[in-house]
Amino acid sequence: MDITPNMAFAAQQVPSVAKEDSGSAVFTDADKLLFSRRGLDEEKQKQVAEIYGQARSNFGAGQARSFLANLDIKSLSLLQEAASLADPVQAEGLSEEGAANLLLPPHELVDTNNDGLVEVGRAKIIAFPPVNAPQSVKDAWNDATKNMSESDIMSFSGFMLPLAFSGAGNEAGGAGNTYSKMSDAGFNWRKLIDDMQFSNNLSRPYNRPEMSDKIASWLTAFLEKLEMHGQA
C-alpha cells in the first residue's frame, strides 16, 4: 500500500492517564509529550484540552463537523497545531471520523469504519497497534516498547506495517491486507510474528547485521509480551 502525502503512521503508547481541570479533556502523559513535540506549550495544551472538553459536552454522534463549523479561527488553528496538520482545518468536506478525531486526545482516536486507517482532519494515519485492537494487544505493545527510544519504536512500527499490508500473518497464505484484521479478537499474532521473523531473516544479506539483530530481538520481545497477555 502506498503512503500518500496525507498519510502517516504512528506508534501508539497508552501510559497512565493524568486529569486536566474540570470540564477539560483527559490527557495521558504520552499525549502531553506528543503535544510538546508539536510545539504546544503548557498554556496551549490547556486551551486545546478546553476545546476537547467543550466538544465532548456539546456534540453527540455524527455532530463533530457541526461543532467544528462553529469554532473561531483561533480555535481551529489550535486544533490544526495539536493534530500536526499541514493545512488549516475546514469542517466542510471532512468525514465525520476525520472531524471527530480533531476533537479527541491522541490516545482516544477512533476508527469508526474499522478500515485500519485513522482519519484526522483530511490526513490518514496508520497506527500500530491499530486503535481498534484489543486492549491486551496494546498492553503487550506498551510492555515490549516501554524501554525503547521513540526512534526505535518508530523503526519497529515502520518494519511491521508494510509487511502487514503485504500479507504477513495471513492465515490463507499469499498477499492480502492483514492490518485491518488485527482488530479481531481471534487474530493470529503468533503467525504474524513468525512471518515477520522469516522476512527479517530473508532480508539479512541486504541489511546491517546490527539492525537485523535488533529487529529479531524486538519481535521476540513483542511475542513474549503477547503470550503474557493471552494473545499468542
Protein backbone atom coordinates (compact mmCIF):
# COMPACT_ATOMS: atom_id res chain seq x y z
CA MET A 1 0.00 0.00 0.00
CA ASP A 2 1.36 3.41 -0.96
CA ILE A 3 1.62 6.08 1.72
CA THR A 4 0.40 9.36 0.26
CA PRO A 5 1.46 12.85 1.45
CA ASN A 6 -1.69 12.92 3.59
CA MET A 7 -0.95 9.55 5.16
CA ALA A 8 1.42 8.80 8.01
CA PHE A 9 1.97 6.11 10.57
CA ALA A 10 2.22 6.36 14.31
CA ALA A 11 3.30 4.04 17.07
CA GLN A 12 0.79 4.02 19.86
CA GLN A 13 1.51 4.02 23.56
CA VAL A 14 -1.13 4.21 26.28
CA PRO A 15 0.54 5.09 29.59
CA SER A 16 -1.08 6.32 32.79
CA VAL A 17 -3.81 8.94 32.47
CA ALA A 18 -3.43 12.38 34.03
CA LYS A 19 -6.54 14.50 34.54
CA GLU A 20 -6.85 18.11 33.50
CA ASP A 21 -9.04 20.81 35.00
CA SER A 22 -12.73 20.05 35.40
CA GLY A 23 -14.54 20.41 32.09
CA SER A 24 -11.38 19.80 30.07
CA ALA A 25 -10.24 16.67 28.29
CA VAL A 26 -8.14 13.99 29.93
CA PHE A 27 -4.60 13.65 28.56
CA THR A 28 -2.16 10.82 29.07
CA ASP A 29 1.49 11.55 29.73
CA ALA A 30 2.16 10.40 26.15
CA ASP A 31 -0.43 12.90 24.85
CA LYS A 32 1.32 15.73 26.66
CA LEU A 33 4.73 14.66 25.38
CA LEU A 34 3.39 14.46 21.83
CA PHE A 35 1.80 17.90 22.05
CA SER A 36 5.04 19.32 23.43
CA ARG A 37 6.96 17.88 20.49
CA ARG A 38 4.42 19.52 18.19
CA GLY A 39 5.23 22.89 19.70
CA LEU A 40 2.33 23.30 22.14
CA ASP A 41 3.42 24.78 25.45
CA GLU A 42 1.51 24.20 28.68
CA GLU A 43 -0.89 27.10 28.07
CA LYS A 44 -1.74 25.94 24.55
CA GLN A 45 -2.27 22.40 25.79
CA LYS A 46 -4.70 23.74 28.39
CA GLN A 47 -6.60 25.63 25.68
CA VAL A 48 -6.77 22.51 23.48
CA ALA A 49 -8.00 20.48 26.45
CA GLU A 50 -10.78 23.02 26.97
CA ILE A 51 -11.86 22.75 23.32
CA TYR A 52 -11.88 18.95 23.58
CA GLY A 53 -13.92 19.21 26.77
CA GLN A 54 -16.44 21.57 25.19
CA ALA A 55 -16.78 19.24 22.23
CA ARG A 56 -17.35 16.25 24.49
CA SER A 57 -20.10 18.11 26.30
CA ASN A 58 -21.80 19.69 23.32
CA PHE A 59 -21.92 17.29 20.43
CA GLY A 60 -23.22 13.79 20.04
CA ALA A 61 -22.52 11.11 17.50
CA GLY A 62 -22.47 12.49 13.96
CA GLN A 63 -22.18 16.13 15.02
CA ALA A 64 -18.41 16.72 15.05
CA ARG A 65 -18.41 18.62 11.76
CA SER A 66 -21.16 20.91 13.02
CA PHE A 67 -19.14 21.65 16.15
CA LEU A 68 -16.05 22.48 14.11
CA ALA A 69 -18.05 24.72 11.79
CA ASN A 70 -18.96 26.93 14.75
CA LEU A 71 -15.43 27.37 16.10
CA ASP A 72 -13.46 30.59 15.58
CA ILE A 73 -10.24 30.77 13.58
CA LYS A 74 -8.03 30.78 16.70
CA SER A 75 -9.58 27.54 17.97
CA LEU A 76 -9.32 25.88 14.57
CA SER A 77 -5.67 26.93 14.38
CA LEU A 78 -5.02 25.35 17.78
CA LEU A 79 -6.64 22.11 16.63
CA GLN A 80 -4.53 22.17 13.48
CA GLU A 81 -1.38 22.55 15.57
CA ALA A 82 -2.44 19.87 18.06
CA ALA A 83 -3.02 17.39 15.23
CA SER A 84 0.18 18.48 13.43
CA LEU A 85 -1.71 19.12 10.19
CA ALA A 86 -0.18 20.95 7.25
CA ASP A 87 -3.44 22.53 6.09
CA PRO A 88 -5.90 24.73 8.02
CA VAL A 89 -8.90 22.93 9.49
CA GLN A 90 -12.08 23.36 7.45
CA ALA A 91 -15.16 21.44 8.53
CA GLU A 92 -16.57 21.37 5.03
CA GLY A 93 -15.51 18.25 3.19
CA LEU A 94 -14.30 16.34 6.25
CA SER A 95 -15.59 12.88 7.02
CA GLU A 96 -17.30 12.52 10.39
CA GLU A 97 -14.40 10.36 11.56
CA GLY A 98 -11.88 12.98 10.45
CA ALA A 99 -13.81 15.70 12.25
CA ALA A 100 -14.30 13.67 15.43
CA ASN A 101 -10.61 12.84 15.73
CA LEU A 102 -9.71 16.53 15.61
CA LEU A 103 -11.69 16.84 18.84
CA LEU A 104 -10.22 13.85 20.69
CA PRO A 105 -6.91 13.41 22.53
CA PRO A 106 -4.38 11.23 20.68
CA HIS A 107 -4.99 8.23 22.95
CA GLU A 108 -8.73 8.31 22.17
CA LEU A 109 -8.61 8.43 18.36
CA VAL A 110 -11.31 6.33 16.69
CA ASP A 111 -11.52 4.22 13.55
CA THR A 112 -15.28 4.25 13.11
CA ASN A 113 -15.39 2.22 9.88
CA ASN A 114 -12.72 -0.23 11.09
CA ASP A 115 -10.70 0.02 7.88
CA GLY A 116 -7.43 0.20 9.79
CA LEU A 117 -6.87 3.84 8.84
CA VAL A 118 -7.49 6.67 11.27
CA GLU A 119 -8.70 9.90 9.69
CA VAL A 120 -7.61 13.08 11.49
CA GLY A 121 -8.92 16.03 9.58
CA ARG A 122 -8.03 15.24 5.97
CA ALA A 123 -4.98 13.21 6.98
CA LYS A 124 -4.98 9.44 7.28
CA ILE A 125 -2.85 7.76 9.94
CA ILE A 126 -1.76 4.14 10.05
CA ALA A 127 -1.39 3.46 13.76
CA PHE A 128 0.31 0.48 15.33
CA PRO A 129 -1.21 -1.26 17.11
CA PRO A 130 -4.49 -0.40 15.36
CA VAL A 131 -6.74 1.80 17.50
CA ASN A 132 -9.44 -0.92 17.47
CA ALA A 133 -7.06 -3.71 18.51
CA PRO A 134 -7.89 -5.48 21.81
CA GLN A 135 -6.55 -3.70 24.88
CA SER A 136 -4.44 -6.76 25.70
CA VAL A 137 -2.55 -6.27 22.42
CA LYS A 138 -1.96 -2.60 23.22
CA ASP A 139 -0.76 -3.59 26.70
CA ALA A 140 1.64 -6.13 25.19
CA TRP A 141 2.98 -3.48 22.81
CA ASN A 142 3.44 -0.97 25.63
CA ASP A 143 5.28 -3.56 27.74
CA ALA A 144 7.54 -4.53 24.85
CA THR A 145 8.43 -0.94 23.93
CA LYS A 146 8.45 0.86 27.28
CA ASN A 147 12.25 0.97 27.48
CA MET A 148 12.78 1.78 23.80
CA SER A 149 13.60 5.20 22.39
CA GLU A 150 10.97 6.96 20.29
CA SER A 151 13.11 6.49 17.18
CA ASP A 152 13.40 2.75 17.83
CA ILE A 153 9.63 2.46 18.38
CA MET A 154 9.01 4.23 15.07
CA SER A 155 11.56 2.00 13.34
CA PHE A 156 9.89 -1.12 14.75
CA SER A 157 6.47 0.10 13.63
CA GLY A 158 7.88 1.03 10.25
CA PHE A 159 9.20 -2.50 9.83
CA MET A 160 5.92 -4.17 10.80
CA LEU A 161 3.35 -2.07 8.95
CA PRO A 162 4.42 -2.66 5.32
CA LEU A 163 4.62 -6.41 5.97
CA ALA A 164 1.12 -6.40 7.49
CA PHE A 165 -0.24 -4.62 4.43
CA SER A 166 1.50 -7.09 2.14
CA GLY A 167 0.00 -10.16 3.78
CA ALA A 168 2.24 -11.18 6.70
CA GLY A 169 0.17 -13.22 9.14
CA ASN A 170 -2.45 -14.06 6.52
CA GLU A 171 -3.95 -17.38 7.55
CA ALA A 172 -4.77 -18.21 3.92
CA GLY A 173 -1.23 -17.50 2.78
CA GLY A 174 -0.19 -15.19 -0.03
CA ALA A 175 -0.88 -11.50 -0.39
CA GLY A 176 -3.63 -9.59 1.32
CA ASN A 177 -4.08 -6.84 3.88
CA THR A 178 -3.88 -8.37 7.35
CA TYR A 179 -3.60 -4.98 9.06
CA SER A 180 -7.36 -4.43 9.19
CA LYS A 181 -7.76 -7.90 10.73
CA MET A 182 -5.56 -7.06 13.71
CA SER A 183 -8.57 -5.60 15.47
CA ASP A 184 -10.21 -9.04 15.56
CA ALA A 185 -10.10 -10.76 18.94
CA GLY A 186 -9.02 -14.03 17.32
CA PHE A 187 -6.24 -12.62 15.14
CA ASN A 188 -3.23 -14.97 15.00
CA TRP A 189 -0.42 -12.78 16.34
CA ARG A 190 2.00 -15.69 16.61
CA LYS A 191 1.75 -16.33 12.87
CA LEU A 192 2.28 -12.64 12.17
CA ILE A 193 5.44 -12.56 14.29
CA ASP A 194 6.69 -15.82 12.74
CA ASP A 195 6.16 -14.39 9.24
CA MET A 196 7.98 -11.21 10.19
CA GLN A 197 10.91 -13.15 11.65
CA PHE A 198 11.08 -15.08 8.37
CA SER A 199 11.05 -11.84 6.37
CA ASN A 200 13.74 -10.35 8.60
CA ASN A 201 15.96 -13.39 8.02
CA LEU A 202 15.44 -13.15 4.25
CA SER A 203 16.50 -9.50 4.36
CA ARG A 204 19.68 -10.08 6.37
CA PRO A 205 22.00 -10.04 3.32
CA TYR A 206 20.73 -6.55 2.47
CA ASN A 207 20.66 -5.00 5.96
CA ARG A 208 23.26 -4.09 8.53
CA PRO A 209 23.75 -7.08 10.87
CA GLU A 210 23.03 -4.98 13.95
CA MET A 211 19.70 -3.83 12.50
CA SER A 212 18.62 -7.38 11.63
CA ASP A 213 19.59 -8.50 15.14
CA LYS A 214 17.69 -5.60 16.69
CA ILE A 215 14.51 -6.39 14.71
CA ALA A 216 14.74 -10.07 15.68
CA SER A 217 15.09 -9.04 19.34
CA TRP A 218 12.13 -6.65 19.09
CA LEU A 219 9.91 -9.32 17.55
CA THR A 220 10.89 -11.88 20.19
CA ALA A 221 10.14 -9.41 22.98
CA PHE A 222 6.77 -8.47 21.49
CA LEU A 223 5.79 -12.13 21.10
CA GLU A 224 6.73 -12.80 24.72
CA LYS A 225 4.52 -9.92 25.88
CA LEU A 226 1.65 -11.08 23.63
CA GLU A 227 1.92 -14.51 25.27
CA MET A 228 1.86 -12.92 28.74
CA HIS A 229 -1.33 -11.06 27.80
CA GLY A 230 -3.02 -14.11 26.32
CA GLN A 231 -2.73 -13.09 22.66
CA ALA A 232 -0.31 -15.75 21.36
